[in-house]
Amino acid sequence: MNNALIEFRGVSKSYRKGSEVVDAAANVDLRIQERGMVAIVGPSGSGKSTLLHMMGAMDRPTRGEVLVAGEAVNRLSSGELTRFRRKTVGFVFQTFNLIPNLTALENVALPMEFNGVSAAERSARAKALLVRFQLGHRLKHRPRELSGGEMQRVAIARAVANEPRLVLADEPTGNLDSRSGKLIYELLQEVSRERTVIVVTHAEELAKLADRVIHIRDGQLVEDPNSAIRLASNTL
C-alpha cells in the first residue's frame, strides 16, 4: 500500500460559541493513502467540514499535528501555506465559486496563472480538461449560461488544473439534483484514479461510491468496516 498522503496525529479543534466551547474534532488520529476516493459523512455540525479545512490548510488545529504530503501544515507560515495550497491542493465547493465574468476556459486557466504556467499551456491544458469532462462545447460560456452540473464540472476541472496530489470537495452535490449529483460523484471517482479525493457529504447513497467511508459525529470518527475491504481490493 502507498504511503499516507494525509496524517492526523491527536488532532483536536475547538471553537468558542458564546460561553460554550464546541469540539469540532476531538483527538483525531487518521491516515489517508495516496490515490482513491474517501467520503466523510455526518450530520450538520458534526465536524466534517472542519476536518476538510484542516486537510487543505485553511484552518489550524487547536492541538495535534496535521501532515499532508510530508508537510506539517500546522507549522507553516502564511506565505508557505499559500504556496502549499497552490501546489498540493485543489478545492471544489458546493456553490461552485466560479468567477462570473470569466468563461469556462478562463475559470479553469486562472489557477495556473498564479503558478507561473505560460499562457499557451494554460489555454491548452484548460481546454483538454474541459473536453475530457464533456464540456468542449461550453469553452466560451460564462457561469450564468451553464447548468448547475456543468458549473460543477468546470469547478472540478479548475481544481485539478495544477495537477495537485489532493482534491477536497465540500458538499459538491449539495446544489444539484440527484442525477447531476451522481454524475459528479462518478467524475470524482475518475479523478481519484490519479490523485486522492476527499469528499464531505450528507448523501449516504453517493458516499457508497467512494473507496473508503468515514463517519463523524460530535468530532469523533467511526470507520465503515466495508470500506476498508474495498480500499484494499483497489490497491492490489
Protein backbone atom coordinates (compact mmCIF):
# COMPACT_ATOMS: atom_id res chain seq x y z
CA MET A 1 0.00 0.00 0.00
CA ASN A 2 1.24 3.54 -0.75
CA ASN A 3 2.49 5.85 1.97
CA ALA A 4 -0.08 8.08 3.66
CA LEU A 5 -0.73 11.39 1.92
CA ILE A 6 -2.66 12.76 4.93
CA GLU A 7 -1.98 12.04 8.58
CA PHE A 8 -3.70 13.46 11.65
CA ARG A 9 -1.90 12.90 14.95
CA GLY A 10 -4.03 13.57 18.01
CA VAL A 11 -5.81 16.45 16.27
CA SER A 12 -8.41 18.49 18.15
CA LYS A 13 -10.18 21.65 17.04
CA SER A 14 -12.25 23.74 19.44
CA TYR A 15 -14.39 26.80 18.83
CA ARG A 16 -15.95 29.13 21.32
CA LYS A 17 -19.68 29.66 20.79
CA GLY A 18 -20.73 32.30 23.29
CA SER A 19 -19.80 30.88 26.69
CA GLU A 20 -19.69 27.31 25.33
CA VAL A 21 -16.64 25.52 23.89
CA VAL A 22 -17.52 23.26 20.94
CA ASP A 23 -15.18 20.41 19.95
CA ALA A 24 -15.40 20.10 16.16
CA ALA A 25 -12.64 17.48 16.22
CA ALA A 26 -11.64 15.51 19.31
CA ASN A 27 -8.24 13.80 19.43
CA VAL A 28 -8.47 12.51 15.86
CA ASP A 29 -5.91 10.02 14.54
CA LEU A 30 -6.30 9.40 10.82
CA ARG A 31 -4.23 8.17 7.85
CA ILE A 32 -5.35 8.50 4.24
CA GLN A 33 -3.37 6.89 1.44
CA GLU A 34 -2.30 8.21 -1.94
CA ARG A 35 -5.00 7.88 -4.61
CA GLY A 36 -8.58 6.80 -4.17
CA MET A 37 -11.76 8.48 -3.03
CA VAL A 38 -12.64 8.93 0.64
CA ALA A 39 -16.07 10.15 1.77
CA ILE A 40 -16.51 11.87 5.13
CA VAL A 41 -20.16 11.60 6.17
CA GLY A 42 -22.00 13.13 9.10
CA PRO A 43 -24.86 15.39 10.15
CA SER A 44 -24.61 19.18 10.14
CA GLY A 45 -22.29 20.40 12.86
CA SER A 46 -20.54 17.03 13.23
CA GLY A 47 -17.12 18.43 12.29
CA LYS A 48 -16.71 17.04 8.77
CA SER A 49 -16.03 20.42 7.11
CA THR A 50 -13.58 21.27 9.90
CA LEU A 51 -11.60 18.13 9.05
CA LEU A 52 -11.61 19.07 5.38
CA HIS A 53 -10.44 22.62 6.11
CA MET A 54 -7.53 21.33 8.19
CA MET A 55 -6.55 18.91 5.41
CA GLY A 56 -6.47 21.82 3.00
CA ALA A 57 -4.51 24.06 5.40
CA MET A 58 -7.41 26.53 5.52
CA ASP A 59 -7.67 26.04 9.28
CA ARG A 60 -5.22 25.04 12.00
CA PRO A 61 -5.81 22.50 14.78
CA THR A 62 -6.10 23.65 18.37
CA ARG A 63 -3.92 20.68 19.34
CA GLY A 64 -2.09 17.93 17.47
CA GLU A 65 -0.38 17.77 14.11
CA VAL A 66 -1.64 17.63 10.52
CA LEU A 67 0.72 16.27 7.87
CA VAL A 68 -0.13 16.50 4.17
CA ALA A 69 2.31 15.28 1.51
CA GLY A 70 5.01 15.16 4.16
CA GLU A 71 4.45 18.76 5.30
CA ALA A 72 3.43 19.58 8.87
CA VAL A 73 0.95 22.17 7.61
CA ASN A 74 0.02 23.48 11.06
CA ARG A 75 3.61 24.76 11.36
CA LEU A 76 3.77 26.61 8.04
CA SER A 77 3.83 30.40 7.83
CA SER A 78 1.12 32.30 5.96
CA GLY A 79 3.26 32.58 2.82
CA GLU A 80 4.27 28.93 3.00
CA LEU A 81 0.62 27.92 3.36
CA THR A 82 -0.30 29.85 0.21
CA ARG A 83 2.44 28.13 -1.78
CA PHE A 84 1.47 24.75 -0.31
CA ARG A 85 -2.19 25.12 -1.32
CA ARG A 86 -1.31 26.25 -4.86
CA LYS A 87 0.96 23.27 -5.39
CA THR A 88 -0.70 20.44 -3.49
CA VAL A 89 -4.45 21.04 -3.09
CA GLY A 90 -7.41 21.61 -5.39
CA PHE A 91 -10.76 22.73 -3.94
CA VAL A 92 -14.33 22.04 -5.09
CA PHE A 93 -17.15 23.92 -3.34
CA GLN A 94 -20.91 23.40 -3.05
CA THR A 95 -21.58 26.85 -4.55
CA PHE A 96 -19.03 26.34 -7.38
CA ASN A 97 -17.23 29.67 -6.69
CA LEU A 98 -16.67 30.34 -10.38
CA ILE A 99 -15.80 33.91 -11.42
CA PRO A 100 -18.99 35.12 -13.15
CA ASN A 101 -17.40 37.38 -15.78
CA LEU A 102 -14.92 34.72 -16.96
CA THR A 103 -15.65 31.95 -19.46
CA ALA A 104 -15.39 28.29 -18.52
CA LEU A 105 -11.98 28.16 -20.22
CA GLU A 106 -10.76 31.26 -18.36
CA ASN A 107 -12.03 29.96 -15.00
CA VAL A 108 -10.07 26.73 -15.41
CA ALA A 109 -6.94 28.51 -16.65
CA LEU A 110 -6.80 31.11 -13.88
CA PRO A 111 -5.18 28.99 -11.09
CA MET A 112 -2.38 28.03 -13.47
CA GLU A 113 -1.52 31.69 -13.97
CA PHE A 114 -0.78 32.01 -10.25
CA ASN A 115 1.59 29.04 -10.57
CA GLY A 116 3.53 30.65 -13.39
CA VAL A 117 2.26 28.45 -16.23
CA SER A 118 2.60 30.11 -19.66
CA ALA A 119 -0.50 31.49 -21.38
CA ALA A 120 -0.31 28.94 -24.21
CA GLU A 121 0.00 26.00 -21.81
CA ARG A 122 -2.78 27.35 -19.59
CA SER A 123 -5.17 27.53 -22.51
CA ALA A 124 -4.21 24.11 -23.88
CA ARG A 125 -4.45 22.38 -20.50
CA ALA A 126 -7.77 24.05 -19.63
CA LYS A 127 -9.28 23.11 -22.99
CA ALA A 128 -8.10 19.50 -22.68
CA LEU A 129 -9.67 19.21 -19.21
CA LEU A 130 -12.99 20.67 -20.31
CA VAL A 131 -13.10 18.37 -23.35
CA ARG A 132 -12.31 15.42 -21.07
CA PHE A 133 -15.21 16.42 -18.80
CA GLN A 134 -17.54 16.67 -21.83
CA LEU A 135 -17.65 20.47 -21.86
CA GLY A 136 -15.79 21.08 -25.11
CA HIS A 137 -18.90 22.82 -26.45
CA ARG A 138 -19.00 25.19 -23.45
CA LEU A 139 -15.50 26.68 -23.54
CA LYS A 140 -16.67 30.26 -24.13
CA HIS A 141 -19.77 30.11 -21.95
CA ARG A 142 -19.91 32.07 -18.70
CA PRO A 143 -21.27 30.52 -15.49
CA ARG A 144 -24.76 32.06 -15.91
CA GLU A 145 -25.05 30.22 -19.24
CA LEU A 146 -24.28 26.82 -17.69
CA SER A 147 -26.41 24.36 -15.73
CA GLY A 148 -25.51 23.51 -12.13
CA GLY A 149 -23.96 20.21 -13.15
CA GLU A 150 -21.91 21.92 -15.87
CA MET A 151 -20.69 24.58 -13.44
CA GLN A 152 -19.54 21.89 -11.03
CA ARG A 153 -17.69 20.08 -13.80
CA VAL A 154 -15.91 23.36 -14.62
CA ALA A 155 -15.08 23.69 -10.91
CA ILE A 156 -13.59 20.18 -10.82
CA ALA A 157 -11.54 20.94 -13.94
CA ARG A 158 -10.26 24.08 -12.23
CA ALA A 159 -9.42 22.09 -9.08
CA VAL A 160 -7.19 19.65 -11.00
CA ALA A 161 -5.68 22.17 -13.42
CA ASN A 162 -2.44 22.48 -11.44
CA GLU A 163 -2.25 18.69 -11.09
CA PRO A 164 -2.49 18.63 -7.28
CA ARG A 165 -1.97 15.44 -5.30
CA LEU A 166 -5.09 16.18 -3.23
CA VAL A 167 -8.61 17.31 -4.22
CA LEU A 168 -11.00 18.40 -1.47
CA ALA A 169 -14.71 18.60 -2.29
CA ASP A 170 -17.08 20.14 0.29
CA GLU A 171 -20.69 19.02 -0.39
CA PRO A 172 -20.07 19.12 -4.17
CA THR A 173 -23.57 17.88 -4.99
CA GLY A 174 -25.46 19.94 -2.41
CA ASN A 175 -26.91 22.31 -5.03
CA LEU A 176 -27.61 19.64 -7.66
CA ASP A 177 -30.45 17.26 -8.47
CA SER A 178 -29.89 13.55 -7.85
CA ARG A 179 -28.99 12.72 -11.45
CA SER A 180 -26.44 15.53 -11.75
CA GLY A 181 -25.11 14.64 -8.31
CA LYS A 182 -24.42 11.05 -9.32
CA LEU A 183 -22.60 12.23 -12.45
CA ILE A 184 -20.39 14.49 -10.33
CA TYR A 185 -19.52 11.63 -7.99
CA GLU A 186 -18.68 9.41 -10.95
CA LEU A 187 -16.40 12.16 -12.28
CA LEU A 188 -14.71 12.46 -8.88
CA GLN A 189 -14.24 8.68 -8.94
CA GLU A 190 -12.44 9.04 -12.27
CA VAL A 191 -10.24 11.83 -10.87
CA SER A 192 -9.41 9.67 -7.83
CA ARG A 193 -7.61 7.15 -10.04
CA GLU A 194 -4.86 9.76 -10.46
CA ARG A 195 -4.89 11.54 -7.07
CA THR A 196 -6.50 11.49 -3.63
CA VAL A 197 -10.06 12.85 -3.50
CA ILE A 198 -11.75 13.65 -0.17
CA VAL A 199 -15.48 14.35 -0.31
CA VAL A 200 -17.60 15.75 2.52
CA THR A 201 -21.25 14.85 2.07
CA HIS A 202 -24.62 14.25 3.70
CA ALA A 203 -25.56 11.84 0.90
CA GLU A 204 -25.05 8.31 2.22
CA GLU A 205 -26.01 6.65 -1.08
CA LEU A 206 -23.48 8.68 -3.07
CA ALA A 207 -20.83 8.17 -0.38
CA LYS A 208 -21.03 4.43 -1.05
CA LEU A 209 -19.34 5.10 -4.41
CA ALA A 210 -16.16 6.02 -2.50
CA ASP A 211 -13.37 3.53 -1.76
CA ARG A 212 -13.48 4.44 1.92
CA VAL A 213 -16.23 5.93 4.08
CA ILE A 214 -15.58 7.68 7.39
CA HIS A 215 -18.49 8.76 9.56
CA ILE A 216 -18.08 11.62 12.01
CA ARG A 217 -20.32 12.59 14.90
CA ASP A 218 -19.52 15.14 17.60
CA GLY A 219 -15.94 15.35 16.36
CA GLN A 220 -15.33 11.58 16.66
CA LEU A 221 -14.55 9.30 13.70
CA VAL A 222 -16.22 5.95 13.01
CA GLU A 223 -14.86 3.93 10.09
CA ASP A 224 -17.17 1.98 7.76
CA PRO A 225 -15.63 -1.53 8.02
CA ASN A 226 -16.72 -2.48 4.49
CA SER A 227 -14.83 0.48 3.01
CA ALA A 228 -11.51 -0.90 4.24
CA ILE A 229 -12.20 -4.06 2.22
CA ARG A 230 -13.00 -2.01 -0.90
CA LEU A 231 -9.88 0.13 -0.47
CA ALA A 232 -7.65 -2.92 0.00
CA SER A 233 -9.05 -4.60 -3.14
CA ASN A 234 -8.45 -1.42 -5.15
CA THR A 235 -4.77 -1.30 -4.18
CA LEU A 236 -3.92 -4.89 -5.08
